[in-house]
């Protein structure tokens, strides 16, 4: 199978997940799609450098996250919190959701990323370690520190 077809198959199997990652960073449908498209181009252009398909997720998610961060820098302004909510969020415990989002917005980018990968994407500590290029012990200590910080701010 040629490399372009392999890349396409790997992406197709992860399409929804990749969109959710992009959206979680840029908080806007159009920007998320733009970032995903740009990341796809970057990934396709450097796909030959990937030696082991077992690391595709880690490799491509890092490209996507970096692309999203570049997009945010270019845009140079965050969307208001209200724009990031959808109807189902409003129907649920609105105060709790708003408090959590405001608190998450107050975290450093690296702290939001580690929480997102762990609790929204379901990554194991080892996968977070690979994605963020840090030691597993560092992942554990940062998660502990961020969770403690979130609990303190939310209580």
C-alpha atoms as a PDB file:
ATOM      1  CA  UNK A   1       0.000   0.000   0.000  1.00  0.00           C
ATOM      2  CA  UNK A   2       1.449   3.413  -0.854  1.00  0.00           C
ATOM      3  CA  UNK A   3       2.245   5.931   1.896  1.00  0.00           C
ATOM      4  CA  UNK A   4      -0.468   8.429   0.871  1.00  0.00           C
ATOM      5  CA  UNK A   5      -3.148   5.751   1.108  1.00  0.00           C
ATOM      6  CA  UNK A   6      -1.753   4.611   4.463  1.00  0.00           C
ATOM      7  CA  UNK A   7      -1.848   8.190   5.739  1.00  0.00           C
ATOM      8  CA  UNK A   8      -5.420   8.614   4.519  1.00  0.00           C
ATOM      9  CA  UNK A   9      -6.530   5.377   6.223  1.00  0.00           C
ATOM     10  CA  UNK A  10      -4.888   6.359   9.509  1.00  0.00           C
ATOM     11  CA  UNK A  11      -6.538   9.798   9.421  1.00  0.00           C
ATOM     12  CA  UNK A  12      -9.972   8.468   8.440  1.00  0.00           C
ATOM     13  CA  UNK A  13      -9.968   6.170  11.467  1.00  0.00           C
ATOM     14  CA  UNK A  14      -9.296   9.152  13.759  1.00  0.00           C
ATOM     15  CA  UNK A  15     -11.192  11.955  12.028  1.00  0.00           C
ATOM     16  CA  UNK A  16     -13.731  12.752  14.772  1.00  0.00           C
ATOM     17  CA  UNK A  17     -11.162  12.560  17.542  1.00  0.00           C
ATOM     18  CA  UNK A  18      -8.785  14.874  15.689  1.00  0.00           C
ATOM     19  CA  UNK A  19     -11.549  17.408  15.102  1.00  0.00           C
ATOM     20  CA  UNK A  20     -12.438  17.358  18.827  1.00  0.00           C
ATOM     21  CA  UNK A  21      -8.816  18.009  19.732  1.00  0.00           C
ATOM     22  CA  UNK A  22      -8.613  20.951  17.339  1.00  0.00           C
ATOM     23  CA  UNK A  23     -11.939  22.339  18.551  1.00  0.00           C
ATOM     24  CA  UNK A  24     -10.860  22.079  22.179  1.00  0.00           C
ATOM     25  CA  UNK A  25      -7.974  24.420  21.420  1.00  0.00           C
ATOM     26  CA  UNK A  26      -9.505  26.987  19.082  1.00  0.00           C
ATOM     27  CA  UNK A  27     -13.145  26.746  20.288  1.00  0.00           C
ATOM     28  CA  UNK A  28     -14.590  27.561  16.924  1.00  0.00           C
ATOM     29  CA  UNK A  29     -15.809  25.184  14.213  1.00  0.00           C
ATOM     30  CA  UNK A  30     -14.275  27.018  11.251  1.00  0.00           C
ATOM     31  CA  UNK A  31     -10.907  27.521  12.933  1.00  0.00           C
ATOM     32  CA  UNK A  32     -10.876  23.888  14.078  1.00  0.00           C
ATOM     33  CA  UNK A  33     -11.454  22.720  10.505  1.00  0.00           C
ATOM     34  CA  UNK A  34      -8.765  25.100   9.204  1.00  0.00           C
ATOM     35  CA  UNK A  35      -6.261  23.906  11.800  1.00  0.00           C
ATOM     36  CA  UNK A  36      -7.066  20.285  11.061  1.00  0.00           C
ATOM     37  CA  UNK A  37      -6.613  20.859   7.327  1.00  0.00           C
ATOM     38  CA  UNK A  38      -3.273  22.617   7.887  1.00  0.00           C
ATOM     39  CA  UNK A  39      -2.122  19.828  10.193  1.00  0.00           C
ATOM     40  CA  UNK A  40      -3.133  17.242   7.579  1.00  0.00           C
ATOM     41  CA  UNK A  41      -0.981  18.994   4.986  1.00  0.00           C
ATOM     42  CA  UNK A  42       1.968  19.174   7.377  1.00  0.00           C
ATOM     43  CA  UNK A  43       1.486  15.536   8.334  1.00  0.00           C
ATOM     44  CA  UNK A  44       1.227  14.345   4.751  1.00  0.00           C
ATOM     45  CA  UNK A  45       4.350  16.285   3.773  1.00  0.00           C
ATOM     46  CA  UNK A  46       6.376  14.749   6.592  1.00  0.00           C
ATOM     47  CA  UNK A  47       4.725  11.309   6.712  1.00  0.00           C
ATOM     48  CA  UNK A  48       7.811   9.711   5.158  1.00  0.00           C
ATOM     49  CA  UNK A  49       9.726  10.669   8.322  1.00  0.00           C
ATOM     50  CA  UNK A  50       7.455   8.497  10.488  1.00  0.00           C
ATOM     51  CA  UNK A  51       9.302   5.212  10.901  1.00  0.00           C
ATOM     52  CA  UNK A  52       6.799   3.292  13.030  1.00  0.00           C
ATOM     53  CA  UNK A  53       3.024   3.500  12.517  1.00  0.00           C
ATOM     54  CA  UNK A  54       2.553   2.573  16.185  1.00  0.00           C
ATOM     55  CA  UNK A  55       3.534   6.160  17.014  1.00  0.00           C
ATOM     56  CA  UNK A  56       1.197   7.754  14.486  1.00  0.00           C
ATOM     57  CA  UNK A  57      -1.253   9.070  17.099  1.00  0.00           C
ATOM     58  CA  UNK A  58       1.460  10.665  19.198  1.00  0.00           C
ATOM     59  CA  UNK A  59       3.203  12.073  16.144  1.00  0.00           C
ATOM     60  CA  UNK A  60       0.130  13.502  14.436  1.00  0.00           C
ATOM     61  CA  UNK A  61      -1.554  14.847  17.571  1.00  0.00           C
ATOM     62  CA  UNK A  62       1.629  16.781  18.336  1.00  0.00           C
ATOM     63  CA  UNK A  63       1.488  18.273  14.810  1.00  0.00           C
ATOM     64  CA  UNK A  64      -2.199  19.129  15.301  1.00  0.00           C
ATOM     65  CA  UNK A  65      -1.677  20.718  18.718  1.00  0.00           C
ATOM     66  CA  UNK A  66       1.229  22.807  17.452  1.00  0.00           C
ATOM     67  CA  UNK A  67      -0.850  23.901  14.463  1.00  0.00           C
ATOM     68  CA  UNK A  68      -3.713  24.905  16.771  1.00  0.00           C
ATOM     69  CA  UNK A  69      -1.349  26.858  19.008  1.00  0.00           C
ATOM     70  CA  UNK A  70       0.003  28.662  15.937  1.00  0.00           C
ATOM     71  CA  UNK A  71      -3.558  29.488  14.899  1.00  0.00           C
ATOM     72  CA  UNK A  72      -4.312  30.909  18.349  1.00  0.00           C
ATOM     73  CA  UNK A  73      -1.154  33.017  18.239  1.00  0.00           C
ATOM     74  CA  UNK A  74      -2.074  34.309  14.780  1.00  0.00           C
ATOM     75  CA  UNK A  75      -5.597  35.118  15.875  1.00  0.00           C
ATOM     76  CA  UNK A  76      -4.162  36.739  19.019  1.00  0.00           C
ATOM     77  CA  UNK A  77      -7.459  36.742  20.881  1.00  0.00           C
ATOM     78  CA  UNK A  78      -9.495  34.129  22.653  1.00  0.00           C
ATOM     79  CA  UNK A  79     -13.177  33.658  22.016  1.00  0.00           C
ATOM     80  CA  UNK A  80     -15.472  34.713  24.837  1.00  0.00           C
ATOM     81  CA  UNK A  81     -16.465  31.828  27.063  1.00  0.00           C
ATOM     82  CA  UNK A  82     -20.100  32.066  26.009  1.00  0.00           C
ATOM     83  CA  UNK A  83     -19.246  31.214  22.390  1.00  0.00           C
ATOM     84  CA  UNK A  84     -17.630  27.931  23.405  1.00  0.00           C
ATOM     85  CA  UNK A  85     -20.846  26.565  24.919  1.00  0.00           C
ATOM     86  CA  UNK A  86     -23.420  24.580  23.016  1.00  0.00           C
ATOM     87  CA  UNK A  87     -27.077  23.896  23.809  1.00  0.00           C
ATOM     88  CA  UNK A  88     -26.475  20.616  25.629  1.00  0.00           C
ATOM     89  CA  UNK A  89     -24.033  22.342  28.006  1.00  0.00           C
ATOM     90  CA  UNK A  90     -26.608  24.989  28.813  1.00  0.00           C
ATOM     91  CA  UNK A  91     -29.265  22.375  29.584  1.00  0.00           C
ATOM     92  CA  UNK A  92     -26.985  20.629  32.056  1.00  0.00           C
ATOM     93  CA  UNK A  93     -25.643  22.181  35.208  1.00  0.00           C
ATOM     94  CA  UNK A  94     -24.843  25.580  33.698  1.00  0.00           C
ATOM     95  CA  UNK A  95     -23.175  27.023  36.753  1.00  0.00           C
ATOM     96  CA  UNK A  96     -20.916  23.998  37.184  1.00  0.00           C
ATOM     97  CA  UNK A  97     -19.937  23.982  33.520  1.00  0.00           C
ATOM     98  CA  UNK A  98     -19.224  27.715  33.498  1.00  0.00           C
ATOM     99  CA  UNK A  99     -17.158  27.470  36.675  1.00  0.00           C
ATOM    100  CA  UNK A 100     -15.131  24.602  35.254  1.00  0.00           C
ATOM    101  CA  UNK A 101     -14.535  26.375  31.925  1.00  0.00           C
ATOM    102  CA  UNK A 102     -13.538  29.620  33.620  1.00  0.00           C
ATOM    103  CA  UNK A 103     -11.202  27.711  35.875  1.00  0.00           C
ATOM    104  CA  UNK A 104      -9.723  25.794  32.918  1.00  0.00           C
ATOM    105  CA  UNK A 105      -9.197  29.096  31.080  1.00  0.00           C
ATOM    106  CA  UNK A 106      -7.143  30.248  34.055  1.00  0.00           C
ATOM    107  CA  UNK A 107      -4.748  27.331  33.692  1.00  0.00           C
ATOM    108  CA  UNK A 108      -1.525  27.490  31.737  1.00  0.00           C
ATOM    109  CA  UNK A 109      -1.640  25.993  28.233  1.00  0.00           C
ATOM    110  CA  UNK A 110       0.463  23.022  29.346  1.00  0.00           C
ATOM    111  CA  UNK A 111      -1.901  22.371  32.280  1.00  0.00           C
ATOM    112  CA  UNK A 112      -4.988  22.478  30.039  1.00  0.00           C
ATOM    113  CA  UNK A 113      -3.282  20.133  27.596  1.00  0.00           C
ATOM    114  CA  UNK A 114      -2.447  17.507  30.212  1.00  0.00           C
ATOM    115  CA  UNK A 115      -6.005  17.605  31.656  1.00  0.00           C
ATOM    116  CA  UNK A 116      -7.504  17.388  28.177  1.00  0.00           C
ATOM    117  CA  UNK A 117      -5.392  14.408  27.152  1.00  0.00           C
ATOM    118  CA  UNK A 118      -6.045  12.556  30.414  1.00  0.00           C
ATOM    119  CA  UNK A 119      -9.733  13.200  31.048  1.00  0.00           C
ATOM    120  CA  UNK A 120     -11.248  14.178  27.707  1.00  0.00           C
ATOM    121  CA  UNK A 121      -9.216  11.926  25.405  1.00  0.00           C
ATOM    122  CA  UNK A 122      -8.716   9.088  27.897  1.00  0.00           C
ATOM    123  CA  UNK A 123      -4.957   8.880  27.429  1.00  0.00           C
ATOM    124  CA  UNK A 124      -2.866   6.841  29.838  1.00  0.00           C
ATOM    125  CA  UNK A 125       0.002   8.584  31.603  1.00  0.00           C
ATOM    126  CA  UNK A 126       2.510   6.862  29.304  1.00  0.00           C
ATOM    127  CA  UNK A 127       0.680   8.144  26.205  1.00  0.00           C
ATOM    128  CA  UNK A 128       0.606  11.662  27.635  1.00  0.00           C
ATOM    129  CA  UNK A 129       4.313  11.320  28.333  1.00  0.00           C
ATOM    130  CA  UNK A 130       5.001  10.435  24.692  1.00  0.00           C
ATOM    131  CA  UNK A 131       2.705  13.142  23.318  1.00  0.00           C
ATOM    132  CA  UNK A 132       4.096  15.930  25.489  1.00  0.00           C
ATOM    133  CA  UNK A 133       7.707  14.670  25.435  1.00  0.00           C
ATOM    134  CA  UNK A 134       8.016  14.543  29.222  1.00  0.00           C
ATOM    135  CA  UNK A 135       8.691  11.737  31.702  1.00  0.00           C
ATOM    136  CA  UNK A 136       5.797   9.662  33.053  1.00  0.00           C
ATOM    137  CA  UNK A 137       6.651  10.762  36.594  1.00  0.00           C
ATOM    138  CA  UNK A 138       6.387  14.373  35.468  1.00  0.00           C
ATOM    139  CA  UNK A 139       2.950  13.634  33.993  1.00  0.00           C
ATOM    140  CA  UNK A 140       1.799  12.205  37.331  1.00  0.00           C
ATOM    141  CA  UNK A 141       3.109  15.123  39.369  1.00  0.00           C
ATOM    142  CA  UNK A 142       1.665  17.724  36.980  1.00  0.00           C
ATOM    143  CA  UNK A 143      -1.716  15.988  36.966  1.00  0.00           C
ATOM    144  CA  UNK A 144      -1.687  15.943  40.754  1.00  0.00           C
ATOM    145  CA  UNK A 145      -0.751  19.618  40.929  1.00  0.00           C
ATOM    146  CA  UNK A 146      -3.361  20.692  38.354  1.00  0.00           C
ATOM    147  CA  UNK A 147      -6.139  18.651  39.966  1.00  0.00           C
ATOM    148  CA  UNK A 148      -5.298  20.165  43.351  1.00  0.00           C
ATOM    149  CA  UNK A 149      -5.352  23.630  41.781  1.00  0.00           C
ATOM    150  CA  UNK A 150      -8.728  22.969  40.095  1.00  0.00           C
ATOM    151  CA  UNK A 151     -10.260  21.619  43.307  1.00  0.00           C
ATOM    152  CA  UNK A 152      -9.075  24.644  45.267  1.00  0.00           C
ATOM    153  CA  UNK A 153     -10.473  27.080  42.700  1.00  0.00           C
ATOM    154  CA  UNK A 154     -13.788  25.243  42.353  1.00  0.00           C
ATOM    155  CA  UNK A 155     -14.477  24.838  46.080  1.00  0.00           C
END
